[in-house]
PDB file of N, CA and C in Angstrom:
ATOM      1  N   MET A   1       0.757  -1.138   0.197  1.00  0.00           N
ATOM      2  CA  MET A   1      -0.050   0.079   0.068  1.00  0.00           C
ATOM      3  C   MET A   1       0.963   1.174  -0.243  1.00  0.00           C
ATOM      4  N   VAL A   2       0.616   2.021  -0.927  1.00  0.00           N
ATOM      5  CA  VAL A   2       1.351   3.353  -0.999  1.00  0.00           C
ATOM      6  C   VAL A   2       0.499   4.499  -0.366  1.00  0.00           C
ATOM      7  N   VAL A   3       0.977   5.256   0.445  1.00  0.00           N
ATOM      8  CA  VAL A   3       0.386   6.550   1.103  1.00  0.00           C
ATOM      9  C   VAL A   3       0.981   7.708   0.479  1.00  0.00           C
ATOM     10  N   ILE A   4       0.112   8.520  -0.064  1.00  0.00           N
ATOM     11  CA  ILE A   4       0.729   9.673  -0.723  1.00  0.00           C
ATOM     12  C   ILE A   4       0.088  10.828   0.291  1.00  0.00           C
ATOM     13  N   TRP A   5       1.025  11.862   0.683  1.00  0.00           N
ATOM     14  CA  TRP A   5       0.636  12.863   1.580  1.00  0.00           C
ATOM     15  C   TRP A   5       0.338  14.164   0.752  1.00  0.00           C
ATOM     16  N   MET A   6      -0.407  14.807   1.083  1.00  0.00           N
ATOM     17  CA  MET A   6      -0.658  15.989   0.388  1.00  0.00           C
ATOM     18  C   MET A   6       0.373  17.126   0.867  1.00  0.00           C
ATOM     19  N   ALA A   7       0.875  17.863   0.052  1.00  0.00           N
ATOM     20  CA  ALA A   7       2.131  18.898   0.326  1.00  0.00           C
ATOM     21  C   ALA A   7       1.447  20.109   0.730  1.00  0.00           C
ATOM     22  N   ARG A   8       2.198  20.732   1.814  1.00  0.00           N
ATOM     23  CA  ARG A   8       1.658  22.051   2.133  1.00  0.00           C
ATOM     24  C   ARG A   8       2.618  22.884   1.560  1.00  0.00           C
ATOM     25  N   VAL A   9       2.147  23.823   0.515  1.00  0.00           N
ATOM     26  CA  VAL A   9       2.706  24.939  -0.152  1.00  0.00           C
ATOM     27  C   VAL A   9       2.478  26.219   0.168  1.00  0.00           C
ATOM     28  N   GLU A  10       3.280  27.002  -0.303  1.00  0.00           N
ATOM     29  CA  GLU A  10       2.903  28.552  -0.132  1.00  0.00           C
ATOM     30  C   GLU A  10       2.739  29.261  -1.604  1.00  0.00           C
ATOM     31  N   VAL A  11       1.642  29.792  -1.727  1.00  0.00           N
ATOM     32  CA  VAL A  11       1.422  30.313  -2.991  1.00  0.00           C
ATOM     33  C   VAL A  11       1.610  32.073  -2.834  1.00  0.00           C
ATOM     34  N   THR A  12       2.207  32.711  -3.570  1.00  0.00           N
ATOM     35  CA  THR A  12       2.465  34.152  -3.791  1.00  0.00           C
ATOM     36  C   THR A  12       1.276  34.475  -4.914  1.00  0.00           C
ATOM     37  N   ILE A  13       0.423  35.516  -4.659  1.00  0.00           N
ATOM     38  CA  ILE A  13      -0.265  36.148  -5.740  1.00  0.00           C
ATOM     39  C   ILE A  13      -0.133  37.638  -5.760  1.00  0.00           C
ATOM     40  N   PRO A  14       0.375  38.116  -6.747  1.00  0.00           N
ATOM     41  CA  PRO A  14       0.518  39.592  -6.888  1.00  0.00           C
ATOM     42  C   PRO A  14      -0.747  40.280  -6.911  1.00  0.00           C
ATOM     43  N   SER A  15      -0.683  41.661  -6.433  1.00  0.00           N
ATOM     44  CA  SER A  15      -1.822  42.481  -6.127  1.00  0.00           C
ATOM     45  C   SER A  15      -2.743  42.658  -7.395  1.00  0.00           C
ATOM     46  N   VAL A  16      -2.180  42.622  -8.741  1.00  0.00           N
ATOM     47  CA  VAL A  16      -3.023  42.505  -9.869  1.00  0.00           C
ATOM     48  C   VAL A  16      -4.039  41.491 -10.089  1.00  0.00           C
ATOM     49  N   LEU A  17      -3.776  40.469  -9.436  1.00  0.00           N
ATOM     50  CA  LEU A  17      -4.657  39.260  -9.471  1.00  0.00           C
ATOM     51  C   LEU A  17      -5.371  39.029  -8.172  1.00  0.00           C
ATOM     52  N   ASN A  18      -5.064  40.064  -7.215  1.00  0.00           N
ATOM     53  CA  ASN A  18      -5.802  40.189  -5.715  1.00  0.00           C
ATOM     54  C   ASN A  18      -6.710  41.299  -5.806  1.00  0.00           C
ATOM     55  N   LYS A  19      -7.100  41.623  -6.686  1.00  0.00           N
ATOM     56  CA  LYS A  19      -8.193  42.775  -6.872  1.00  0.00           C
ATOM     57  C   LYS A  19      -7.548  44.246  -6.402  1.00  0.00           C
ATOM     58  N   ASN A  20      -6.115  43.962  -6.829  1.00  0.00           N
ATOM     59  CA  ASN A  20      -5.392  45.235  -6.410  1.00  0.00           C
ATOM     60  C   ASN A  20      -5.353  45.616  -4.840  1.00  0.00           C
ATOM     61  N   ALA A  21      -5.485  44.680  -4.058  1.00  0.00           N
ATOM     62  CA  ALA A  21      -5.378  44.548  -2.697  1.00  0.00           C
ATOM     63  C   ALA A  21      -3.934  44.347  -2.035  1.00  0.00           C
ATOM     64  N   GLY A  22      -3.082  44.351  -2.831  1.00  0.00           N
ATOM     65  CA  GLY A  22      -1.756  43.887  -2.527  1.00  0.00           C
ATOM     66  C   GLY A  22      -1.664  42.464  -2.505  1.00  0.00           C
ATOM     67  N   GLU A  23      -0.086  42.289  -2.541  1.00  0.00           N
ATOM     68  CA  GLU A  23       0.373  40.764  -2.616  1.00  0.00           C
ATOM     69  C   GLU A  23      -0.268  39.912  -1.481  1.00  0.00           C
ATOM     70  N   ARG A  24      -0.586  38.794  -1.960  1.00  0.00           N
ATOM     71  CA  ARG A  24      -1.237  37.877  -1.038  1.00  0.00           C
ATOM     72  C   ARG A  24      -0.508  36.336  -0.916  1.00  0.00           C
ATOM     73  N   LYS A  25      -0.277  35.980   0.093  1.00  0.00           N
ATOM     74  CA  LYS A  25       0.289  34.654   0.348  1.00  0.00           C
ATOM     75  C   LYS A  25      -0.549  33.851   1.209  1.00  0.00           C
ATOM     76  N   VAL A  26      -0.636  32.626   0.481  1.00  0.00           N
ATOM     77  CA  VAL A  26      -1.724  31.630   0.905  1.00  0.00           C
ATOM     78  C   VAL A  26      -1.014  30.432   1.113  1.00  0.00           C
ATOM     79  N   SER A  27      -1.186  29.794   2.281  1.00  0.00           N
ATOM     80  CA  SER A  27      -0.846  28.249   2.261  1.00  0.00           C
ATOM     81  C   SER A  27      -1.973  27.356   2.000  1.00  0.00           C
ATOM     82  N   VAL A  28      -1.592  26.435   0.984  1.00  0.00           N
ATOM     83  CA  VAL A  28      -2.367  25.323   0.494  1.00  0.00           C
ATOM     84  C   VAL A  28      -2.085  24.006   0.800  1.00  0.00           C
ATOM     85  N   GLU A  29      -2.971  23.120   0.913  1.00  0.00           N
ATOM     86  CA  GLU A  29      -2.368  21.551   0.942  1.00  0.00           C
ATOM     87  C   GLU A  29      -3.070  21.141  -0.451  1.00  0.00           C
ATOM     88  N   ALA A  30      -2.022  20.363  -1.253  1.00  0.00           N
ATOM     89  CA  ALA A  30      -2.474  19.868  -2.464  1.00  0.00           C
ATOM     90  C   ALA A  30      -1.335  18.901  -2.802  1.00  0.00           C
ATOM     91  N   TYR A  31      -1.870  18.113  -4.007  1.00  0.00           N
ATOM     92  CA  TYR A  31      -0.914  16.940  -4.628  1.00  0.00           C
ATOM     93  C   TYR A  31      -0.431  17.578  -5.604  1.00  0.00           C
ATOM     94  N   THR A  32      -0.989  18.319  -6.562  1.00  0.00           N
ATOM     95  CA  THR A  32      -0.506  18.656  -7.743  1.00  0.00           C
ATOM     96  C   THR A  32      -0.805  20.142  -7.876  1.00  0.00           C
ATOM     97  N   LEU A  33      -0.339  20.795  -8.844  1.00  0.00           N
ATOM     98  CA  LEU A  33      -0.374  22.288  -9.142  1.00  0.00           C
ATOM     99  C   LEU A  33      -2.155  22.332  -9.564  1.00  0.00           C
ATOM    100  N   LYS A  34      -2.566  21.614 -10.081  1.00  0.00           N
ATOM    101  CA  LYS A  34      -3.921  21.778 -10.553  1.00  0.00           C
ATOM    102  C   LYS A  34      -4.896  22.005  -9.172  1.00  0.00           C
ATOM    103  N   ASP A  35      -4.719  21.229  -8.144  1.00  0.00           N
ATOM    104  CA  ASP A  35      -5.165  21.091  -6.693  1.00  0.00           C
ATOM    105  C   ASP A  35      -5.173  22.513  -6.076  1.00  0.00           C
ATOM    106  N   VAL A  36      -3.739  23.229  -6.388  1.00  0.00           N
ATOM    107  CA  VAL A  36      -3.579  24.303  -5.978  1.00  0.00           C
ATOM    108  C   VAL A  36      -4.419  25.187  -6.586  1.00  0.00           C
ATOM    109  N   ILE A  37      -4.504  25.278  -8.019  1.00  0.00           N
ATOM    110  CA  ILE A  37      -5.582  26.293  -8.651  1.00  0.00           C
ATOM    111  C   ILE A  37      -7.015  26.274  -8.232  1.00  0.00           C
ATOM    112  N   ASP A  38      -7.380  24.941  -7.984  1.00  0.00           N
ATOM    113  CA  ASP A  38      -8.780  24.737  -7.694  1.00  0.00           C
ATOM    114  C   ASP A  38      -8.833  25.325  -6.273  1.00  0.00           C
ATOM    115  N   SER A  39      -8.157  25.173  -5.225  1.00  0.00           N
ATOM    116  CA  SER A  39      -8.307  25.733  -3.966  1.00  0.00           C
ATOM    117  C   SER A  39      -8.059  27.385  -3.804  1.00  0.00           C
ATOM    118  N   LEU A  40      -7.549  27.933  -4.923  1.00  0.00           N
ATOM    119  CA  LEU A  40      -7.174  29.155  -4.965  1.00  0.00           C
ATOM    120  C   LEU A  40      -8.678  30.093  -5.506  1.00  0.00           C
ATOM    121  N   VAL A  41      -9.034  29.151  -6.547  1.00  0.00           N
ATOM    122  CA  VAL A  41     -10.377  29.571  -7.206  1.00  0.00           C
ATOM    123  C   VAL A  41     -11.629  29.599  -6.075  1.00  0.00           C
ATOM    124  N   LYS A  42     -11.754  28.342  -5.028  1.00  0.00           N
ATOM    125  CA  LYS A  42     -12.722  28.411  -4.156  1.00  0.00           C
ATOM    126  C   LYS A  42     -12.531  29.522  -3.263  1.00  0.00           C
ATOM    127  N   VAL A  43     -11.214  29.834  -2.661  1.00  0.00           N
ATOM    128  CA  VAL A  43     -10.768  30.927  -1.806  1.00  0.00           C
ATOM    129  C   VAL A  43     -11.217  32.238  -2.324  1.00  0.00           C
ATOM    130  N   MET A  44     -10.630  32.444  -3.451  1.00  0.00           N
ATOM    131  CA  MET A  44     -10.380  33.861  -4.203  1.00  0.00           C
ATOM    132  C   MET A  44     -12.033  34.090  -5.031  1.00  0.00           C
ATOM    133  N   GLY A  45     -12.196  33.161  -5.625  1.00  0.00           N
ATOM    134  CA  GLY A  45     -13.737  33.623  -6.479  1.00  0.00           C
ATOM    135  C   GLY A  45     -13.340  33.297  -7.867  1.00  0.00           C
ATOM    136  N   ASN A  46     -14.730  33.577  -8.520  1.00  0.00           N
ATOM    137  CA  ASN A  46     -14.596  33.494 -10.215  1.00  0.00           C
ATOM    138  C   ASN A  46     -13.761  34.634 -10.790  1.00  0.00           C
ATOM    139  N   GLU A  47     -13.630  35.749 -10.197  1.00  0.00           N
ATOM    140  CA  GLU A  47     -12.880  36.762 -10.730  1.00  0.00           C
ATOM    141  C   GLU A  47     -11.324  36.456 -10.993  1.00  0.00           C
ATOM    142  N   PHE A  48     -10.841  35.573  -9.825  1.00  0.00           N
ATOM    143  CA  PHE A  48      -9.417  35.142  -9.971  1.00  0.00           C
ATOM    144  C   PHE A  48      -9.490  34.103 -11.096  1.00  0.00           C
ATOM    145  N   ALA A  49     -10.347  33.174 -11.041  1.00  0.00           N
ATOM    146  CA  ALA A  49     -10.453  32.168 -12.413  1.00  0.00           C
ATOM    147  C   ALA A  49     -10.300  32.829 -13.575  1.00  0.00           C
ATOM    148  N   ARG A  50     -11.248  33.909 -13.770  1.00  0.00           N
ATOM    149  CA  ARG A  50     -11.466  34.581 -15.091  1.00  0.00           C
ATOM    150  C   ARG A  50     -10.155  35.276 -15.281  1.00  0.00           C
ATOM    151  N   ARG A  51      -9.413  35.856 -14.637  1.00  0.00           N
ATOM    152  CA  ARG A  51      -7.948  36.145 -14.858  1.00  0.00           C
ATOM    153  C   ARG A  51      -7.003  35.405 -15.248  1.00  0.00           C
ATOM    154  N   VAL A  52      -7.165  34.138 -14.496  1.00  0.00           N
ATOM    155  CA  VAL A  52      -5.945  33.155 -14.479  1.00  0.00           C
ATOM    156  C   VAL A  52      -6.176  32.069 -15.782  1.00  0.00           C
ATOM    157  N   LEU A  53      -7.400  31.761 -15.725  1.00  0.00           N
ATOM    158  CA  LEU A  53      -7.628  30.302 -16.471  1.00  0.00           C
ATOM    159  C   LEU A  53      -8.293  30.744 -17.677  1.00  0.00           C
ATOM    160  N   ASP A  54      -7.953  29.925 -18.861  1.00  0.00           N
ATOM    161  CA  ASP A  54      -8.865  29.841 -19.956  1.00  0.00           C
ATOM    162  C   ASP A  54     -10.257  28.985 -19.838  1.00  0.00           C
ATOM    163  N   SER A  55     -10.827  29.009 -20.989  1.00  0.00           N
ATOM    164  CA  SER A  55     -12.029  28.568 -20.796  1.00  0.00           C
ATOM    165  C   SER A  55     -11.905  26.873 -20.688  1.00  0.00           C
ATOM    166  N   ASN A  56     -10.818  26.210 -20.895  1.00  0.00           N
ATOM    167  CA  ASN A  56     -10.564  24.919 -20.689  1.00  0.00           C
ATOM    168  C   ASN A  56      -9.806  24.634 -19.289  1.00  0.00           C
ATOM    169  N   GLY A  57      -9.903  25.603 -18.507  1.00  0.00           N
ATOM    170  CA  GLY A  57      -9.354  25.511 -17.302  1.00  0.00           C
ATOM    171  C   GLY A  57      -7.936  25.325 -17.091  1.00  0.00           C
ATOM    172  N   LYS A  58      -7.296  25.880 -18.133  1.00  0.00           N
ATOM    173  CA  LYS A  58      -5.579  25.835 -18.031  1.00  0.00           C
ATOM    174  C   LYS A  58      -5.069  27.311 -17.943  1.00  0.00           C
ATOM    175  N   PRO A  59      -3.974  27.523 -17.407  1.00  0.00           N
ATOM    176  CA  PRO A  59      -3.505  29.014 -17.181  1.00  0.00           C
ATOM    177  C   PRO A  59      -3.467  29.655 -18.674  1.00  0.00           C
ATOM    178  N   LYS A  60      -3.912  30.900 -18.655  1.00  0.00           N
ATOM    179  CA  LYS A  60      -3.962  31.651 -19.785  1.00  0.00           C
ATOM    180  C   LYS A  60      -2.697  31.667 -20.288  1.00  0.00           C
ATOM    181  N   ALA A  61      -2.274  32.044 -21.554  1.00  0.00           N
ATOM    182  CA  ALA A  61      -0.854  31.944 -22.386  1.00  0.00           C
ATOM    183  C   ALA A  61      -0.016  33.098 -21.552  1.00  0.00           C
ATOM    184  N   LEU A  62      -0.806  34.150 -21.014  1.00  0.00           N
ATOM    185  CA  LEU A  62       0.112  35.056 -20.499  1.00  0.00           C
ATOM    186  C   LEU A  62       0.159  35.068 -18.986  1.00  0.00           C
ATOM    187  N   ILE A  63      -0.038  33.984 -18.555  1.00  0.00           N
ATOM    188  CA  ILE A  63      -0.140  33.666 -17.001  1.00  0.00           C
ATOM    189  C   ILE A  63       0.992  32.850 -16.540  1.00  0.00           C
ATOM    190  N   ASN A  64       2.158  32.941 -15.985  1.00  0.00           N
ATOM    191  CA  ASN A  64       3.174  32.328 -15.784  1.00  0.00           C
ATOM    192  C   ASN A  64       3.225  31.831 -14.204  1.00  0.00           C
ATOM    193  N   ILE A  65       3.309  30.514 -14.043  1.00  0.00           N
ATOM    194  CA  ILE A  65       3.109  29.833 -12.586  1.00  0.00           C
ATOM    195  C   ILE A  65       4.720  29.244 -12.462  1.00  0.00           C
ATOM    196  N   TYR A  66       5.154  29.691 -11.377  1.00  0.00           N
ATOM    197  CA  TYR A  66       6.543  29.103 -10.906  1.00  0.00           C
ATOM    198  C   TYR A  66       6.428  28.207  -9.906  1.00  0.00           C
ATOM    199  N   ILE A  67       7.057  27.228  -9.830  1.00  0.00           N
ATOM    200  CA  ILE A  67       7.198  26.384  -8.608  1.00  0.00           C
ATOM    201  C   ILE A  67       8.855  26.180  -8.241  1.00  0.00           C
ATOM    202  N   ASN A  68       9.183  26.969  -7.145  1.00  0.00           N
ATOM    203  CA  ASN A  68      10.234  27.051  -6.861  1.00  0.00           C
ATOM    204  C   ASN A  68      11.164  27.809  -7.644  1.00  0.00           C
ATOM    205  N   GLY A  69      10.584  28.644  -8.524  1.00  0.00           N
ATOM    206  CA  GLY A  69      11.491  29.435  -9.477  1.00  0.00           C
ATOM    207  C   GLY A  69      11.511  28.881 -10.787  1.00  0.00           C
ATOM    208  N   LYS A  70      10.986  27.643 -11.106  1.00  0.00           N
ATOM    209  CA  LYS A  70      11.052  26.886 -12.470  1.00  0.00           C
ATOM    210  C   LYS A  70       9.606  27.102 -12.872  1.00  0.00           C
ATOM    211  N   ASN A  71       9.384  27.517 -14.213  1.00  0.00           N
ATOM    212  CA  ASN A  71       8.178  27.726 -14.936  1.00  0.00           C
ATOM    213  C   ASN A  71       7.391  26.390 -14.962  1.00  0.00           C
ATOM    214  N   ALA A  72       6.291  26.324 -14.434  1.00  0.00           N
ATOM    215  CA  ALA A  72       5.459  25.021 -14.428  1.00  0.00           C
ATOM    216  C   ALA A  72       5.248  24.582 -15.774  1.00  0.00           C
ATOM    217  N   ARG A  73       5.268  25.297 -16.866  1.00  0.00           N
ATOM    218  CA  ARG A  73       4.835  24.805 -18.165  1.00  0.00           C
ATOM    219  C   ARG A  73       5.893  23.756 -18.676  1.00  0.00           C
ATOM    220  N   PHE A  74       6.992  23.852 -17.994  1.00  0.00           N
ATOM    221  CA  PHE A  74       8.120  23.046 -18.481  1.00  0.00           C
ATOM    222  C   PHE A  74       8.670  21.807 -17.509  1.00  0.00           C
ATOM    223  N   SER A  75       7.568  21.919 -16.363  1.00  0.00           N
ATOM    224  CA  SER A  75       7.905  20.905 -15.264  1.00  0.00           C
ATOM    225  C   SER A  75       6.615  20.218 -15.023  1.00  0.00           C
ATOM    226  N   GLY A  76       5.770  19.790 -15.960  1.00  0.00           N
ATOM    227  CA  GLY A  76       4.656  18.824 -15.591  1.00  0.00           C
ATOM    228  C   GLY A  76       3.128  19.837 -15.858  1.00  0.00           C
ATOM    229  N   GLY A  77       3.266  21.043 -16.095  1.00  0.00           N
ATOM    230  CA  GLY A  77       2.246  21.830 -16.214  1.00  0.00           C
ATOM    231  C   GLY A  77       1.206  21.649 -14.921  1.00  0.00           C
ATOM    232  N   LEU A  78       0.020  21.558 -14.927  1.00  0.00           N
ATOM    233  CA  LEU A  78      -1.059  21.373 -14.102  1.00  0.00           C
ATOM    234  C   LEU A  78      -0.759  20.248 -13.156  1.00  0.00           C
ATOM    235  N   ASP A  79      -0.226  19.104 -13.547  1.00  0.00           N
ATOM    236  CA  ASP A  79       0.142  17.691 -13.250  1.00  0.00           C
ATOM    237  C   ASP A  79       1.027  17.646 -12.413  1.00  0.00           C
ATOM    238  N   ALA A  80       2.011  18.765 -12.264  1.00  0.00           N
ATOM    239  CA  ALA A  80       3.104  18.781 -11.548  1.00  0.00           C
ATOM    240  C   ALA A  80       2.850  18.360 -10.366  1.00  0.00           C
ATOM    241  N   ARG A  81       3.691  17.405  -9.664  1.00  0.00           N
ATOM    242  CA  ARG A  81       3.601  17.067  -8.138  1.00  0.00           C
ATOM    243  C   ARG A  81       4.397  17.927  -7.259  1.00  0.00           C
ATOM    244  N   LEU A  82       3.741  18.153  -6.316  1.00  0.00           N
ATOM    245  CA  LEU A  82       4.357  19.074  -5.192  1.00  0.00           C
ATOM    246  C   LEU A  82       4.714  18.474  -4.120  1.00  0.00           C
ATOM    247  N   ASN A  83       5.607  19.326  -3.345  1.00  0.00           N
ATOM    248  CA  ASN A  83       6.377  18.636  -2.097  1.00  0.00           C
ATOM    249  C   ASN A  83       6.056  19.722  -0.894  1.00  0.00           C
ATOM    250  N   ASP A  84       6.331  19.341   0.352  1.00  0.00           N
ATOM    251  CA  ASP A  84       6.066  20.089   1.084  1.00  0.00           C
ATOM    252  C   ASP A  84       7.160  21.252   1.095  1.00  0.00           C
ATOM    253  N   GLY A  85       6.815  22.368   1.446  1.00  0.00           N
ATOM    254  CA  GLY A  85       7.685  23.750   1.461  1.00  0.00           C
ATOM    255  C   GLY A  85       7.785  24.031  -0.001  1.00  0.00           C
ATOM    256  N   ASP A  86       7.157  23.722  -0.999  1.00  0.00           N
ATOM    257  CA  ASP A  86       7.482  24.346  -2.349  1.00  0.00           C
ATOM    258  C   ASP A  86       6.871  25.732  -2.318  1.00  0.00           C
ATOM    259  N   SER A  87       7.562  26.752  -3.107  1.00  0.00           N
ATOM    260  CA  SER A  87       6.952  27.778  -3.233  1.00  0.00           C
ATOM    261  C   SER A  87       6.453  27.986  -4.542  1.00  0.00           C
ATOM    262  N   ILE A  88       5.085  28.685  -4.631  1.00  0.00           N
ATOM    263  CA  ILE A  88       4.611  28.776  -5.915  1.00  0.00           C
ATOM    264  C   ILE A  88       4.210  30.232  -5.984  1.00  0.00           C
ATOM    265  N   VAL A  89       4.539  30.714  -7.263  1.00  0.00           N
ATOM    266  CA  VAL A  89       4.158  32.195  -7.638  1.00  0.00           C
ATOM    267  C   VAL A  89       3.575  32.272  -8.806  1.00  0.00           C
ATOM    268  N   ILE A  90       2.557  32.849  -8.780  1.00  0.00           N
ATOM    269  CA  ILE A  90       1.605  33.317 -10.036  1.00  0.00           C
ATOM    270  C   ILE A  90       1.723  34.667 -10.534  1.00  0.00           C
ATOM    271  N   LEU A  91       2.208  34.825 -11.910  1.00  0.00           N
ATOM    272  CA  LEU A  91       2.648  36.022 -12.321  1.00  0.00           C
ATOM    273  C   LEU A  91       1.871  36.345 -13.804  1.00  0.00           C
ATOM    274  N   PRO A  92       1.101  37.607 -13.889  1.00  0.00           N
ATOM    275  CA  PRO A  92       0.860  37.778 -15.283  1.00  0.00           C
ATOM    276  C   PRO A  92       1.989  38.308 -16.018  1.00  0.00           C
ATOM    277  N   ALA A  93       2.144  38.051 -17.242  1.00  0.00           N
ATOM    278  CA  ALA A  93       3.251  38.581 -18.303  1.00  0.00           C
ATOM    279  C   ALA A  93       3.045  40.235 -18.254  1.00  0.00           C
ATOM    280  N   VAL A  94       4.233  40.939 -18.309  1.00  0.00           N
ATOM    281  CA  VAL A  94       4.161  42.404 -18.255  1.00  0.00           C
ATOM    282  C   VAL A  94       4.711  42.701 -19.724  1.00  0.00           C
ATOM    283  N   ALA A  95       3.953  43.456 -20.535  1.00  0.00           N
ATOM    284  CA  ALA A  95       4.493  43.906 -21.508  1.00  0.00           C
ATOM    285  C   ALA A  95       3.754  45.264 -21.778  1.00  0.00           C
ATOM    286  N   GLY A  96       4.374  45.920 -22.649  1.00  0.00           N
ATOM    287  CA  GLY A  96       4.097  47.516 -23.138  1.00  0.00           C
ATOM    288  C   GLY A  96       5.356  48.328 -23.161  1.00  0.00           C
ATOM    289  N   GLY A  97       5.044  49.673 -22.821  1.00  0.00           N
ATOM    290  CA  GLY A  97       5.838  50.578 -23.056  1.00  0.00           C
ATOM    291  C   GLY A  97       5.888  51.197 -24.211  1.00  0.00           C
ATOM    292  N   SER A  98       6.663  52.396 -24.484  1.00  0.00           N
ATOM    293  CA  SER A  98       6.476  53.117 -25.893  1.00  0.00           C
ATOM    294  C   SER A  98       7.854  53.195 -26.255  1.00  0.00           C
ATOM    295  N   ARG A  99       8.021  53.626 -27.598  1.00  0.00           N
ATOM    296  CA  ARG A  99       9.190  54.103 -28.053  1.00  0.00           C
ATOM    297  C   ARG A  99       9.285  55.654 -28.033  1.00  0.00           C
ATOM    298  N   SER A 100      10.419  56.314 -27.482  1.00  0.00           N
ATOM    299  CA  SER A 100      10.613  57.637 -27.322  1.00  0.00           C
ATOM    300  C   SER A 100      10.517  58.486 -28.571  1.00  0.00           C
ATOM    301  N   SER A 101       9.792  59.372 -28.573  1.00  0.00           N
ATOM    302  CA  SER A 101       9.570  60.207 -29.951  1.00  0.00           C
ATOM    303  C   SER A 101      10.226  61.585 -29.761  1.00  0.00           C
ATOM    304  N   ILE A 102      11.133  61.666 -28.654  1.00  0.00           N
ATOM    305  CA  ILE A 102      11.568  63.202 -28.418  1.00  0.00           C
ATOM    306  C   ILE A 102      12.846  63.190 -29.408  1.00  0.00           C
ATOM    307  N   ASN A 103      13.006  64.165 -30.369  1.00  0.00           N
ATOM    308  CA  ASN A 103      14.074  64.611 -31.107  1.00  0.00           C
ATOM    309  C   ASN A 103      14.823  65.721 -30.303  1.00  0.00           C
ATOM    310  N   ILE A 104      16.285  65.363 -30.141  1.00  0.00           N
ATOM    311  CA  ILE A 104      17.057  66.443 -29.444  1.00  0.00           C
ATOM    312  C   ILE A 104      18.013  66.737 -30.572  1.00  0.00           C
ATOM    313  N   THR A 105      18.172  67.998 -30.629  1.00  0.00           N
ATOM    314  CA  THR A 105      19.303  68.494 -31.424  1.00  0.00           C
ATOM    315  C   THR A 105      20.324  69.325 -30.768  1.00  0.00           C
ATOM    316  N   SER A 106      21.657  69.332 -31.227  1.00  0.00           N
ATOM    317  CA  SER A 106      22.599  70.037 -30.550  1.00  0.00           C
ATOM    318  C   SER A 106      22.740  71.487 -31.284  1.00  0.00           C
ATOM    319  N   SER A 107      23.573  72.352 -30.677  1.00  0.00           N
ATOM    320  CA  SER A 107      23.625  73.548 -31.095  1.00  0.00           C
ATOM    321  C   SER A 107      24.065  73.565 -32.478  1.00  0.00           C
ATOM    322  N   THR A 108      24.433  72.533 -33.119  1.00  0.00           N
ATOM    323  CA  THR A 108      25.089  72.687 -34.496  1.00  0.00           C
ATOM    324  C   THR A 108      23.912  71.910 -35.318  1.00  0.00           C
ATOM    325  N   GLY A 109      22.903  71.881 -34.755  1.00  0.00           N
ATOM    326  CA  GLY A 109      21.844  71.321 -35.724  1.00  0.00           C
ATOM    327  C   GLY A 109      21.862  69.813 -35.904  1.00  0.00           C
ATOM    328  N   VAL A 110      22.698  69.119 -35.407  1.00  0.00           N
ATOM    329  CA  VAL A 110      22.899  67.492 -35.535  1.00  0.00           C
ATOM    330  C   VAL A 110      22.026  66.913 -34.712  1.00  0.00           C
ATOM    331  N   TRP A 111      21.155  65.950 -35.175  1.00  0.00           N
ATOM    332  CA  TRP A 111      20.425  65.509 -34.351  1.00  0.00           C
ATOM    333  C   TRP A 111      21.034  64.284 -33.538  1.00  0.00           C
ATOM    334  N   ILE A 112      20.887  64.030 -32.185  1.00  0.00           N
ATOM    335  CA  ILE A 112      21.530  63.168 -31.516  1.00  0.00           C
ATOM    336  C   ILE A 112      20.518  62.330 -30.766  1.00  0.00           C
TER     337      ILE A 112
END
C-alpha cells in the first residue's frame, strides 16, 4: 500500500490578481498544481479564475506559474507533483512601453 501525503505549499499572488489589494500569500495543501489552482479559485472566487484560467481550465497564455523558481509549463504543467515547502508564484506577463519620440538637436543642428 502506497500512501501519498498532500504537500503544504505557499502561493504568492500579486496585487493585480488579488483585486489590487496587495500581494497575498496563501498556504495550501495539495498533491498537484491543479489542486492548488482549484483551492485558490474556491478561496478567491470566479474573478480570480477569469483572470488566470482559459475556457479549458488551463492557465492563460500570459499567466506564468513558477514552482520553486521554475516555470511550471516546463515541469509538468497542472499535473506537476508538489512537495512540502514548495513555493508557487503566479505572475501575469508584463508587456508594453513605448518608443521615445523626442528629438533632441545640438547647437550645431545635428540630431542626437
